[in-house]
């Protein structure tokens, strides 16, 4: 049985990292469904969902550069474990908030800020772990496997979270706390002591080294900024509670299904990538799948049928997984080892901006022009962005296969 596993999972340390990612992803998505339902129920205002996303994002640009330096100077598994311990505490606080009635918005905003701090500090270290414990020839498959772990958790998490929440909301948070604890213990089992950069003076030049490297490497800048701009303006999954409650009328279980659908498609794509890494030219493929994502958002926005909405979201998840795999693998392969933490920190700002800040943008635009017009317009903008990036970043459009990439000079 073991010989059938993807090659990266034969490495003990990566297998432990993968299990930790799976438990963490499952817990996080259970929280997303439960918090989203409770927050929208307070005022029935989609802008509240946006405020939660904004609160989670705000700590990130403030802490990103110090967190990147931390990831390059401190043992990374310890940093990740500390962040997971904070998530356990957050889930426990959510139990208290739910038992008290969950009638006010500010406790959820406070929790979002705390989660944003934990994410900002720990994610650069977690992302930089993979290239340190996996050889370059296995890296594309390992990146796909980490995405599979996350997406597998997401497939089960929202649906399971919705069902448990419908029966007993407090149980969702207790289950999530237990999963975060499992993830924490597992990551501490990683025995490899990864090579980190030597201690250097804490000055602006060292803190901003990741920014400078990305700006100089135009292909990398194009790939990362494409995700930021396109998903910031075009991804509307944060509005799923509005569709579930007022447009499709499918309740919390339906909300869980809507949140799960993109991950079903992503999981299928991820499994394919673990067995057969992408062999097409990565640049043109990236631009094509981002445009396809925008098209699926338009279908989702116009749909009044749950099956059609689920299908559109599943396809969007499939193409998004391909996009994420190309971007993440490119970052890891072209970044020198001594800059992995700082570059990962900057990348995480871009990713979170497109997710948490994108949630705020979606909520704000939906408040101004309506939910359906906001989703359709966002999808159209996403198609336009993918088309324009070909001219703005010609080196990205010319990028070849992932297995041809080499680290760029510092």
Protein backbone atom coordinates (compact mmCIF):
# COMPACT_ATOMS: atom_id res chain seq x y z
CA UNK A 1 0.00 0.00 0.00
CA UNK A 2 2.79 2.40 0.93
CA UNK A 3 4.42 2.14 -2.51
CA UNK A 4 1.24 3.57 -4.05
CA UNK A 5 1.58 6.83 -2.12
CA UNK A 6 2.99 9.88 -3.91
CA UNK A 7 6.77 10.08 -3.54
CA UNK A 8 6.79 13.08 -1.18
CA UNK A 9 4.65 11.22 1.37
CA UNK A 10 7.40 8.61 1.73
CA UNK A 11 9.36 11.31 3.57
CA UNK A 12 8.47 11.09 7.28
CA UNK A 13 8.78 14.81 8.00
CA UNK A 14 6.67 15.79 5.02
CA UNK A 15 4.04 13.19 5.95
CA UNK A 16 3.76 14.78 9.42
CA UNK A 17 3.54 18.24 7.86
CA UNK A 18 0.81 16.96 5.55
CA UNK A 19 -1.25 15.52 8.42
CA UNK A 20 -0.91 18.78 10.34
CA UNK A 21 -2.09 20.74 7.28
CA UNK A 22 -5.08 18.43 6.88
CA UNK A 23 -6.24 18.84 10.50
CA UNK A 24 -5.66 22.59 10.39
CA UNK A 25 -7.54 23.04 7.12
CA UNK A 26 -10.49 21.02 8.37
CA UNK A 27 -10.73 23.05 11.59
CA UNK A 28 -10.39 26.41 9.87
CA UNK A 29 -13.18 25.73 7.40
CA UNK A 30 -15.54 24.52 10.11
CA UNK A 31 -14.97 27.87 11.81
CA UNK A 32 -15.59 29.79 8.57
CA UNK A 33 -19.04 28.27 8.13
CA UNK A 34 -20.09 28.70 11.76
CA UNK A 35 -18.78 32.26 12.10
CA UNK A 36 -20.22 33.30 8.73
CA UNK A 37 -23.69 32.09 9.69
CA UNK A 38 -23.60 33.71 13.13
CA UNK A 39 -22.25 37.04 11.86
CA UNK A 40 -24.81 37.36 9.05
CA UNK A 41 -27.62 36.46 11.45
CA UNK A 42 -26.84 39.46 13.70
CA UNK A 43 -27.90 42.24 11.29
CA UNK A 44 -28.62 40.38 8.02
CA UNK A 45 -26.06 42.72 6.44
CA UNK A 46 -23.50 41.37 3.94
CA UNK A 47 -21.17 44.21 4.88
CA UNK A 48 -20.67 42.56 8.29
CA UNK A 49 -19.09 39.60 6.53
CA UNK A 50 -16.76 42.03 4.84
CA UNK A 51 -15.80 43.62 8.15
CA UNK A 52 -14.80 40.21 9.52
CA UNK A 53 -12.54 39.65 6.52
CA UNK A 54 -11.05 43.12 6.89
CA UNK A 55 -10.38 42.60 10.62
CA UNK A 56 -8.55 39.37 9.86
CA UNK A 57 -6.47 41.04 7.16
CA UNK A 58 -5.39 44.21 8.99
CA UNK A 59 -2.60 42.62 11.13
CA UNK A 60 -1.01 40.99 8.11
CA UNK A 61 0.63 43.95 6.33
CA UNK A 62 1.77 45.28 9.71
CA UNK A 63 3.45 42.04 10.82
CA UNK A 64 4.46 40.50 7.49
CA UNK A 65 8.05 41.72 7.31
CA UNK A 66 8.97 40.88 10.93
CA UNK A 67 7.25 37.49 10.49
CA UNK A 68 9.33 36.77 7.40
CA UNK A 69 12.51 37.60 9.27
CA UNK A 70 11.35 35.36 12.13
CA UNK A 71 10.77 32.48 9.71
CA UNK A 72 14.32 32.83 8.38
CA UNK A 73 15.95 32.97 11.84
CA UNK A 74 13.93 30.70 14.16
CA UNK A 75 13.13 26.99 13.94
CA UNK A 76 10.05 27.00 11.74
CA UNK A 77 8.15 24.07 13.25
CA UNK A 78 8.13 25.87 16.63
CA UNK A 79 6.71 29.03 15.07
CA UNK A 80 3.95 27.02 13.35
CA UNK A 81 3.13 25.11 16.54
CA UNK A 82 2.78 28.37 18.47
CA UNK A 83 0.29 29.67 15.90
CA UNK A 84 -1.76 26.48 16.15
CA UNK A 85 -1.84 26.81 19.94
CA UNK A 86 -3.32 30.30 19.48
CA UNK A 87 -6.00 28.80 17.21
CA UNK A 88 -6.94 26.36 19.99
CA UNK A 89 -7.47 29.32 22.30
CA UNK A 90 -9.53 31.17 19.66
CA UNK A 91 -11.87 28.20 19.25
CA UNK A 92 -12.31 28.05 23.03
CA UNK A 93 -13.26 31.75 23.13
CA UNK A 94 -15.81 31.16 20.36
CA UNK A 95 -17.46 28.57 22.60
CA UNK A 96 -17.90 31.25 25.26
CA UNK A 97 -19.23 33.79 22.73
CA UNK A 98 -21.76 31.29 21.39
CA UNK A 99 -22.96 30.30 24.87
CA UNK A 100 -23.50 33.99 25.66
CA UNK A 101 -25.86 34.36 22.69
CA UNK A 102 -23.62 35.75 19.90
CA UNK A 103 -25.83 38.82 19.46
CA UNK A 104 -23.06 41.39 18.92
CA UNK A 105 -20.60 41.85 16.08
CA UNK A 106 -17.58 43.18 18.00
CA UNK A 107 -16.55 39.84 19.63
CA UNK A 108 -16.29 38.27 16.17
CA UNK A 109 -14.22 41.21 14.94
CA UNK A 110 -11.88 40.81 17.92
CA UNK A 111 -11.52 37.09 17.21
CA UNK A 112 -10.80 37.89 13.54
CA UNK A 113 -7.97 40.23 14.55
CA UNK A 114 -6.45 37.55 16.81
CA UNK A 115 -6.70 34.97 14.01
CA UNK A 116 -5.09 37.45 11.63
CA UNK A 117 -2.15 37.94 13.99
CA UNK A 118 -1.63 34.19 14.33
CA UNK A 119 -1.82 33.76 10.57
CA UNK A 120 0.58 36.62 9.87
CA UNK A 121 3.23 35.29 12.24
CA UNK A 122 3.05 31.57 11.46
CA UNK A 123 2.21 31.20 7.77
CA UNK A 124 5.59 32.33 6.36
CA UNK A 125 7.30 29.70 8.51
CA UNK A 126 4.80 27.03 7.52
CA UNK A 127 5.11 27.76 3.81
CA UNK A 128 8.91 27.83 3.98
CA UNK A 129 9.03 24.40 5.63
CA UNK A 130 8.21 22.46 2.47
CA UNK A 131 11.31 23.25 0.34
CA UNK A 132 13.54 22.54 3.35
CA UNK A 133 12.31 18.97 3.87
CA UNK A 134 11.49 18.03 0.26
CA UNK A 135 14.10 17.79 -2.56
CA UNK A 136 13.53 20.05 -5.62
CA UNK A 137 12.52 17.19 -7.94
CA UNK A 138 9.60 16.32 -5.64
CA UNK A 139 8.58 19.88 -4.88
CA UNK A 140 5.75 20.35 -7.44
CA UNK A 141 4.09 17.17 -6.20
CA UNK A 142 4.64 18.18 -2.57
CA UNK A 143 3.02 21.58 -3.18
CA UNK A 144 0.05 19.82 -4.75
CA UNK A 145 -0.15 17.42 -1.79
CA UNK A 146 -0.24 20.28 0.71
CA UNK A 147 -3.04 21.85 -1.29
CA UNK A 148 -4.83 18.50 -1.36
CA UNK A 149 -4.57 18.28 2.44
CA UNK A 150 -6.05 21.73 2.77
CA UNK A 151 -8.76 21.13 0.21
CA UNK A 152 -9.65 17.71 1.62
CA UNK A 153 -10.22 19.42 4.94
CA UNK A 154 -12.31 22.07 3.22
CA UNK A 155 -14.43 19.48 1.42
CA UNK A 156 -15.37 17.84 4.71
CA UNK A 157 -15.13 20.89 6.99
CA UNK A 158 -17.87 23.20 5.64
CA UNK A 159 -20.40 20.41 5.12
CA UNK A 160 -19.65 18.83 8.49
CA UNK A 161 -19.58 22.23 10.15
CA UNK A 162 -22.95 23.15 8.68
CA UNK A 163 -24.56 19.90 9.86
CA UNK A 164 -23.07 20.12 13.37
CA UNK A 165 -23.98 23.81 13.64
CA UNK A 166 -27.60 23.06 12.73
CA UNK A 167 -27.73 20.60 15.66
CA UNK A 168 -25.53 22.33 18.26
CA UNK A 169 -23.38 25.39 17.42
CA UNK A 170 -21.02 25.00 20.39
CA UNK A 171 -19.95 21.54 19.22
CA UNK A 172 -18.49 23.01 16.03
CA UNK A 173 -15.99 25.05 18.02
CA UNK A 174 -15.10 22.21 20.40
CA UNK A 175 -14.39 19.94 17.43
CA UNK A 176 -12.28 22.63 15.76
CA UNK A 177 -10.24 23.14 18.94
CA UNK A 178 -9.50 19.42 19.07
CA UNK A 179 -8.34 19.41 15.44
CA UNK A 180 -6.07 22.41 16.00
CA UNK A 181 -4.52 20.54 18.93
CA UNK A 182 -3.87 17.50 16.72
CA UNK A 183 -2.22 19.74 14.12
CA UNK A 184 -0.02 21.34 16.80
CA UNK A 185 1.19 18.03 18.22
CA UNK A 186 1.84 16.62 14.74
CA UNK A 187 3.95 19.54 13.56
CA UNK A 188 6.08 19.21 16.68
CA UNK A 189 6.83 15.65 15.53
CA UNK A 190 8.82 16.94 12.56
CA UNK A 191 12.40 16.03 13.46
CA UNK A 192 14.28 17.75 10.68
CA UNK A 193 16.02 20.90 11.86
CA UNK A 194 15.65 23.09 8.82
CA UNK A 195 18.46 25.35 7.72
CA UNK A 196 17.65 28.97 8.47
CA UNK A 197 19.51 32.11 7.54
CA UNK A 198 22.32 33.21 9.86
CA UNK A 199 21.53 35.94 12.37
CA UNK A 200 21.74 39.37 10.75
CA UNK A 201 21.20 42.93 11.86
CA UNK A 202 17.51 43.84 12.13
CA UNK A 203 17.43 46.72 9.68
CA UNK A 204 15.12 47.74 6.88
CA UNK A 205 17.32 46.20 4.20
CA UNK A 206 17.09 42.74 5.76
CA UNK A 207 13.40 43.03 6.64
CA UNK A 208 12.46 44.11 3.12
CA UNK A 209 14.72 41.66 1.28
CA UNK A 210 11.71 39.58 0.24
CA UNK A 211 9.98 42.60 -1.31
CA UNK A 212 13.11 43.54 -3.24
CA UNK A 213 13.56 40.03 -4.60
CA UNK A 214 9.95 39.83 -5.83
CA UNK A 215 10.08 43.27 -7.46
CA UNK A 216 13.31 42.39 -9.30
CA UNK A 217 11.95 39.04 -10.48
CA UNK A 218 9.22 40.20 -12.87
CA UNK A 219 7.92 36.72 -13.64
CA UNK A 220 7.40 36.13 -9.93
CA UNK A 221 5.85 39.57 -9.39
CA UNK A 222 3.41 38.92 -12.22
CA UNK A 223 2.34 35.53 -10.87
CA UNK A 224 1.78 36.79 -7.31
CA UNK A 225 0.09 40.06 -8.24
CA UNK A 226 -2.23 38.27 -10.68
CA UNK A 227 -3.64 36.28 -7.77
CA UNK A 228 -4.01 39.45 -5.69
CA UNK A 229 -5.79 41.60 -8.26
CA UNK A 230 -7.95 38.93 -9.86
CA UNK A 231 -9.21 37.22 -6.71
CA UNK A 232 -9.51 40.51 -4.81
CA UNK A 233 -11.95 41.75 -7.44
CA UNK A 234 -13.43 38.54 -8.76
CA UNK A 235 -13.80 35.87 -6.05
CA UNK A 236 -17.18 36.20 -4.33
CA UNK A 237 -17.39 33.04 -2.21
CA UNK A 238 -17.45 35.25 0.91
CA UNK A 239 -21.03 36.11 -0.10
CA UNK A 240 -22.09 32.46 0.12
CA UNK A 241 -24.15 33.12 3.32
CA UNK A 242 -26.23 35.68 1.38
CA UNK A 243 -26.86 33.21 -1.47
CA UNK A 244 -27.69 30.41 0.97
CA UNK A 245 -30.14 32.48 3.02
CA UNK A 246 -31.82 34.90 0.61
CA UNK A 247 -31.20 33.81 -3.01
CA UNK A 248 -31.07 30.01 -3.07
CA UNK A 249 -32.88 29.56 0.29
CA UNK A 250 -30.95 26.41 1.27
CA UNK A 251 -30.17 27.03 4.99
CA UNK A 252 -26.93 26.28 6.88
CA UNK A 253 -26.54 22.83 5.32
CA UNK A 254 -26.76 24.40 1.86
CA UNK A 255 -24.24 27.02 2.95
CA UNK A 256 -21.86 24.24 3.90
CA UNK A 257 -22.36 22.66 0.48
CA UNK A 258 -21.68 25.96 -1.29
CA UNK A 259 -18.49 26.48 0.72
CA UNK A 260 -17.45 22.89 -0.01
CA UNK A 261 -18.06 22.89 -3.77
CA UNK A 262 -14.93 24.83 -4.81
CA UNK A 263 -12.83 22.48 -2.72
CA UNK A 264 -14.32 19.40 -4.38
CA UNK A 265 -13.07 20.70 -7.72
CA UNK A 266 -9.76 21.76 -6.19
CA UNK A 267 -9.33 18.35 -4.59
CA UNK A 268 -9.81 16.59 -7.93
CA UNK A 269 -7.28 18.89 -9.59
CA UNK A 270 -4.84 18.48 -6.70
CA UNK A 271 -4.99 14.70 -6.82
CA UNK A 272 -4.30 14.80 -10.55
CA UNK A 273 -1.32 17.10 -9.97
CA UNK A 274 0.17 14.84 -7.29
CA UNK A 275 0.24 11.96 -9.76
CA UNK A 276 1.08 13.93 -12.88
CA UNK A 277 2.62 17.37 -12.34
CA UNK A 278 1.85 20.05 -14.90
CA UNK A 279 3.86 19.53 -18.10
CA UNK A 280 2.46 22.46 -20.08
CA UNK A 281 4.02 25.91 -20.22
CA UNK A 282 3.16 27.34 -16.83
CA UNK A 283 2.76 31.02 -17.80
CA UNK A 284 0.06 30.71 -20.49
CA UNK A 285 -1.69 28.04 -18.41
CA UNK A 286 -1.85 30.37 -15.40
CA UNK A 287 -3.45 33.17 -17.43
CA UNK A 288 -5.98 30.79 -18.98
CA UNK A 289 -7.15 29.26 -15.70
CA UNK A 290 -7.56 32.68 -14.05
CA UNK A 291 -9.83 33.73 -16.92
CA UNK A 292 -11.81 30.51 -16.54
CA UNK A 293 -12.24 31.24 -12.83
CA UNK A 294 -13.82 34.59 -13.67
CA UNK A 295 -16.23 32.93 -16.10
CA UNK A 296 -17.38 30.50 -13.39
CA UNK A 297 -18.02 33.39 -10.98
CA UNK A 298 -20.37 34.92 -13.57
CA UNK A 299 -22.28 31.64 -13.84
CA UNK A 300 -22.48 31.38 -10.05
CA UNK A 301 -23.77 34.92 -9.71
CA UNK A 302 -26.54 34.43 -12.28
CA UNK A 303 -27.62 30.97 -11.12
CA UNK A 304 -30.86 30.39 -9.24
CA UNK A 305 -30.35 26.63 -9.10
CA UNK A 306 -28.37 24.95 -6.33
CA UNK A 307 -26.98 22.20 -8.62
CA UNK A 308 -25.81 24.76 -11.21
CA UNK A 309 -24.27 26.94 -8.48
CA UNK A 310 -22.44 23.94 -7.02
CA UNK A 311 -21.16 22.92 -10.47
CA UNK A 312 -19.88 26.43 -11.23
CA UNK A 313 -18.12 26.62 -7.88
CA UNK A 314 -16.59 23.16 -8.36
CA UNK A 315 -15.13 24.13 -11.74
CA UNK A 316 -13.83 27.38 -10.24
CA UNK A 317 -12.07 25.35 -7.55
CA UNK A 318 -10.55 23.02 -10.16
CA UNK A 319 -8.95 25.83 -12.18
CA UNK A 320 -8.00 27.75 -9.03
CA UNK A 321 -6.03 24.74 -7.76
CA UNK A 322 -4.01 24.74 -10.98
CA UNK A 323 -3.38 28.46 -10.54
CA UNK A 324 -2.30 28.03 -6.90
CA UNK A 325 0.02 25.15 -7.78
CA UNK A 326 1.76 27.15 -10.49
CA UNK A 327 2.18 30.23 -8.30
CA UNK A 328 3.31 28.39 -5.16
CA UNK A 329 5.74 26.12 -6.98
CA UNK A 330 7.20 29.07 -8.87
CA UNK A 331 7.80 30.98 -5.64
CA UNK A 332 9.54 28.02 -3.97
CA UNK A 333 11.70 27.10 -6.96
CA UNK A 334 12.98 30.54 -7.93
CA UNK A 335 13.57 31.83 -4.36
CA UNK A 336 17.02 31.17 -2.80
CA UNK A 337 16.85 29.17 0.48
CA UNK A 338 18.03 32.07 2.65
CA UNK A 339 15.08 34.21 1.50
CA UNK A 340 12.30 31.61 1.68
CA UNK A 341 10.73 32.98 4.87
CA UNK A 342 10.77 36.62 3.84
CA UNK A 343 9.49 35.94 0.32
CA UNK A 344 6.78 33.64 1.73
CA UNK A 345 5.73 36.44 4.10
CA UNK A 346 5.24 38.86 1.22
CA UNK A 347 3.43 36.21 -0.81
CA UNK A 348 1.13 35.56 2.15
CA UNK A 349 0.20 39.27 2.24
CA UNK A 350 -0.87 38.99 -1.39
CA UNK A 351 -2.81 35.77 -0.79
CA UNK A 352 -4.59 37.09 2.27
CA UNK A 353 -5.35 40.38 0.57
CA UNK A 354 -7.09 38.44 -2.16
CA UNK A 355 -9.03 36.41 0.43
CA UNK A 356 -9.71 38.42 3.60
CA UNK A 357 -9.56 41.87 1.97
CA UNK A 358 -11.42 40.42 -1.00
CA UNK A 359 -14.19 39.40 1.39
CA UNK A 360 -14.49 43.02 2.51
CA UNK A 361 -14.55 44.23 -1.10
CA UNK A 362 -17.26 41.71 -1.99
CA UNK A 363 -19.39 42.72 1.00
CA UNK A 364 -18.97 46.45 0.30
CA UNK A 365 -19.78 46.17 -3.42
CA UNK A 366 -22.75 43.91 -2.68
CA UNK A 367 -24.03 46.53 -0.25
CA UNK A 368 -23.74 49.26 -2.91
CA UNK A 369 -25.04 47.57 -6.08
CA UNK A 370 -26.59 44.30 -4.89
CA UNK A 371 -25.22 40.82 -4.39
CA UNK A 372 -25.82 39.38 -7.86
CA UNK A 373 -24.49 42.40 -9.83
CA UNK A 374 -21.41 42.45 -7.58
CA UNK A 375 -20.60 38.80 -8.29
CA UNK A 376 -21.16 39.09 -12.05
CA UNK A 377 -19.13 42.29 -12.35
CA UNK A 378 -16.31 40.75 -10.33
CA UNK A 379 -16.12 37.75 -12.65
CA UNK A 380 -15.98 40.02 -15.69
CA UNK A 381 -13.15 42.04 -14.13
CA UNK A 382 -11.25 38.84 -13.43
CA UNK A 383 -11.38 37.87 -17.13
CA UNK A 384 -10.13 41.33 -18.06
CA UNK A 385 -7.24 41.14 -15.60
CA UNK A 386 -6.08 37.79 -16.97
CA UNK A 387 -6.07 39.23 -20.47
CA UNK A 388 -4.19 42.41 -19.54
CA UNK A 389 -1.46 40.61 -17.54
CA UNK A 390 -0.15 39.05 -20.75
CA UNK A 391 0.93 42.52 -21.87
CA UNK A 392 1.94 43.90 -18.46
CA UNK A 393 4.16 40.92 -17.59
CA UNK A 394 5.50 39.40 -20.83
CA UNK A 395 8.06 37.32 -18.89
CA UNK A 396 5.16 35.60 -17.12
CA UNK A 397 3.39 34.93 -20.41
CA UNK A 398 6.60 33.35 -21.74
CA UNK A 399 7.29 31.24 -18.64
CA UNK A 400 7.95 27.61 -19.53
CA UNK A 401 7.53 24.37 -17.61
CA UNK A 402 7.88 24.31 -13.83
CA UNK A 403 10.65 21.71 -13.91
CA UNK A 404 12.79 24.16 -15.88
CA UNK A 405 12.79 26.83 -13.14
CA UNK A 406 15.95 27.56 -11.16
CA UNK A 407 16.67 29.86 -8.17
CA UNK A 408 17.23 33.45 -9.18
CA UNK A 409 20.29 35.33 -7.89
CA UNK A 410 19.77 37.42 -4.76
